[in-house]
Amino acid sequence: MKRMNKKYTKFLIIWAANSLVVFLANWFYPTNVVIGTYRTSFVLAVALTGLLITLFCRGASVFLKKYVKKYLKGRYGMFVFYWVVNAAVVWIIARIAPISGFGISSYFWALILGFGLSLGQWLVRQGFKSTKLL
């Protein structure tokens, strides 16, 4: 039972961290990272975008364990892998902006936001390791 609670706790913390990065990107660059539409409120769009990023990254980690881990060695390879995954996910979510309520001005911002998300996820994982939650 404890293990399952740790899994949910980790998922929720990573979801919150991803949502925070998306929120901060909109806060600092509101003309390039847009959140909310006439159908989707600001809070719902931030939460939904963070959730979708977290779910896609969770799926990518399963793919990583099966296929990619033997080719990528070390921290830098893993960071680049997650950067590519996060940038692709940001781009995909931005393409369904009427549903997700999240948009970006160009693919360049997908790369920047992907880097920020990867950095945020790495920091959260370091926190998990220091608190023995991982």
Protein backbone atom coordinates (compact mmCIF):
# COMPACT_ATOMS: atom_id res chain seq x y z
CA MET A 1 0.00 0.00 0.00
CA LYS A 2 2.85 2.39 0.80
CA ARG A 3 4.43 1.85 -2.60
CA MET A 4 1.20 2.76 -4.38
CA ASN A 5 0.92 5.97 -2.36
CA LYS A 6 4.48 6.89 -3.34
CA LYS A 7 3.61 6.36 -7.00
CA TYR A 8 0.61 8.65 -6.80
CA THR A 9 2.52 11.22 -4.78
CA LYS A 10 5.35 11.29 -7.32
CA PHE A 11 2.88 11.59 -10.20
CA LEU A 12 1.04 14.48 -8.56
CA ILE A 13 4.26 16.33 -7.71
CA ILE A 14 5.58 15.99 -11.27
CA TRP A 15 2.19 17.10 -12.60
CA ALA A 16 2.31 20.17 -10.35
CA ALA A 17 5.88 20.94 -11.42
CA ASN A 18 4.99 20.68 -15.11
CA SER A 19 1.96 22.91 -14.59
CA LEU A 20 4.13 25.42 -12.74
CA VAL A 21 6.64 25.56 -15.62
CA VAL A 22 3.81 26.14 -18.11
CA PHE A 23 2.33 28.84 -15.87
CA LEU A 24 5.70 30.58 -15.47
CA ALA A 25 6.31 30.44 -19.22
CA ASN A 26 3.01 32.24 -19.76
CA TRP A 27 3.79 34.68 -16.96
CA PHE A 28 7.15 35.73 -18.42
CA TYR A 29 6.33 35.39 -22.15
CA PRO A 30 2.57 35.93 -22.53
CA THR A 31 2.75 36.71 -26.25
CA ASN A 32 4.60 33.47 -27.04
CA VAL A 33 3.02 31.02 -24.60
CA VAL A 34 -0.75 31.46 -24.44
CA ILE A 35 -3.01 29.73 -21.95
CA GLY A 36 -6.81 29.63 -22.05
CA THR A 37 -9.43 30.06 -24.74
CA TYR A 38 -13.02 31.17 -24.80
CA ARG A 39 -13.94 27.54 -24.03
CA THR A 40 -11.15 26.64 -21.62
CA SER A 41 -10.42 28.64 -18.49
CA PHE A 42 -6.88 29.61 -17.55
CA VAL A 43 -6.69 27.26 -14.55
CA LEU A 44 -8.15 24.32 -16.46
CA ALA A 45 -5.76 24.88 -19.37
CA VAL A 46 -2.73 24.96 -17.04
CA ALA A 47 -3.84 21.81 -15.22
CA LEU A 48 -4.73 19.96 -18.44
CA THR A 49 -1.47 20.89 -20.14
CA GLY A 50 0.54 19.79 -17.10
CA LEU A 51 -1.41 16.52 -16.97
CA LEU A 52 -0.89 15.76 -20.65
CA ILE A 53 2.83 16.49 -20.42
CA THR A 54 3.12 14.24 -17.36
CA LEU A 55 1.21 11.39 -19.02
CA PHE A 56 3.23 11.56 -22.24
CA CYS A 57 6.50 11.64 -20.29
CA ARG A 58 5.36 8.65 -18.24
CA GLY A 59 4.70 6.79 -21.49
CA ALA A 60 8.07 7.86 -22.84
CA SER A 61 9.79 6.51 -19.73
CA VAL A 62 8.26 3.07 -20.43
CA PHE A 63 9.59 3.30 -24.01
CA LEU A 64 12.93 4.48 -22.60
CA LYS A 65 13.30 1.49 -20.31
CA LYS A 66 12.56 -0.98 -23.10
CA TYR A 67 14.41 0.41 -26.09
CA VAL A 68 16.40 3.58 -25.64
CA LYS A 69 18.32 3.02 -22.41
CA LYS A 70 20.91 0.77 -24.05
CA TYR A 71 21.79 3.55 -26.52
CA LEU A 72 21.72 6.54 -24.16
CA LYS A 73 24.27 6.45 -21.40
CA GLY A 74 24.57 8.86 -18.53
CA ARG A 75 22.68 11.89 -17.34
CA TYR A 76 23.21 14.00 -20.43
CA GLY A 77 21.77 11.43 -22.79
CA MET A 78 18.72 11.00 -20.59
CA PHE A 79 18.27 14.77 -20.32
CA VAL A 80 18.43 15.17 -24.09
CA PHE A 81 15.92 12.33 -24.51
CA TYR A 82 13.44 13.99 -22.14
CA TRP A 83 14.09 17.37 -23.75
CA VAL A 84 13.11 15.96 -27.15
CA VAL A 85 10.07 14.21 -25.67
CA ASN A 86 8.93 17.33 -23.80
CA ALA A 87 9.41 19.56 -26.85
CA ALA A 88 7.43 17.13 -29.01
CA VAL A 89 4.65 16.91 -26.42
CA VAL A 90 4.47 20.70 -26.10
CA TRP A 91 4.22 20.97 -29.89
CA ILE A 92 1.47 18.33 -30.05
CA ILE A 93 -0.54 19.90 -27.22
CA ALA A 94 -0.21 23.31 -28.83
CA ARG A 95 -1.57 21.91 -32.10
CA ILE A 96 -4.79 20.90 -30.31
CA ALA A 97 -5.16 24.34 -28.72
CA PRO A 98 -8.97 24.50 -29.05
CA ILE A 99 -9.17 21.42 -26.81
CA SER A 100 -6.19 21.94 -24.49
CA GLY A 101 -6.33 25.72 -24.20
CA PHE A 102 -2.56 25.92 -24.65
CA GLY A 103 -0.76 27.55 -27.56
CA ILE A 104 2.73 28.63 -28.56
CA SER A 105 3.88 31.07 -31.21
CA SER A 106 6.45 28.82 -32.94
CA TYR A 107 8.37 25.56 -32.72
CA PHE A 108 11.24 27.53 -31.17
CA TRP A 109 9.10 27.99 -28.05
CA ALA A 110 8.39 24.27 -27.99
CA LEU A 111 12.14 23.69 -27.75
CA ILE A 112 12.56 26.32 -25.03
CA LEU A 113 9.60 25.07 -23.02
CA GLY A 114 10.77 21.48 -23.51
CA PHE A 115 14.11 22.43 -22.01
CA GLY A 116 12.41 24.17 -19.07
CA LEU A 117 10.16 21.18 -18.47
CA SER A 118 13.11 18.78 -18.59
CA LEU A 119 15.02 20.94 -16.13
CA GLY A 120 12.02 21.12 -13.81
CA GLN A 121 11.48 17.37 -13.96
CA TRP A 122 15.16 16.76 -13.26
CA LEU A 123 15.03 19.04 -10.22
CA VAL A 124 11.96 17.22 -8.92
CA ARG A 125 13.69 13.85 -9.39
CA GLN A 126 16.71 15.15 -7.45
CA GLY A 127 14.32 16.15 -4.68
CA PHE A 128 12.82 12.66 -4.72
CA LYS A 129 16.27 11.13 -4.35
CA SER A 130 17.20 13.38 -1.44
CA THR A 131 13.93 12.61 0.39
CA LYS A 132 14.08 8.89 -0.50
CA LEU A 133 10.72 9.12 -2.28
CA LEU A 134 12.10 7.72 -5.53
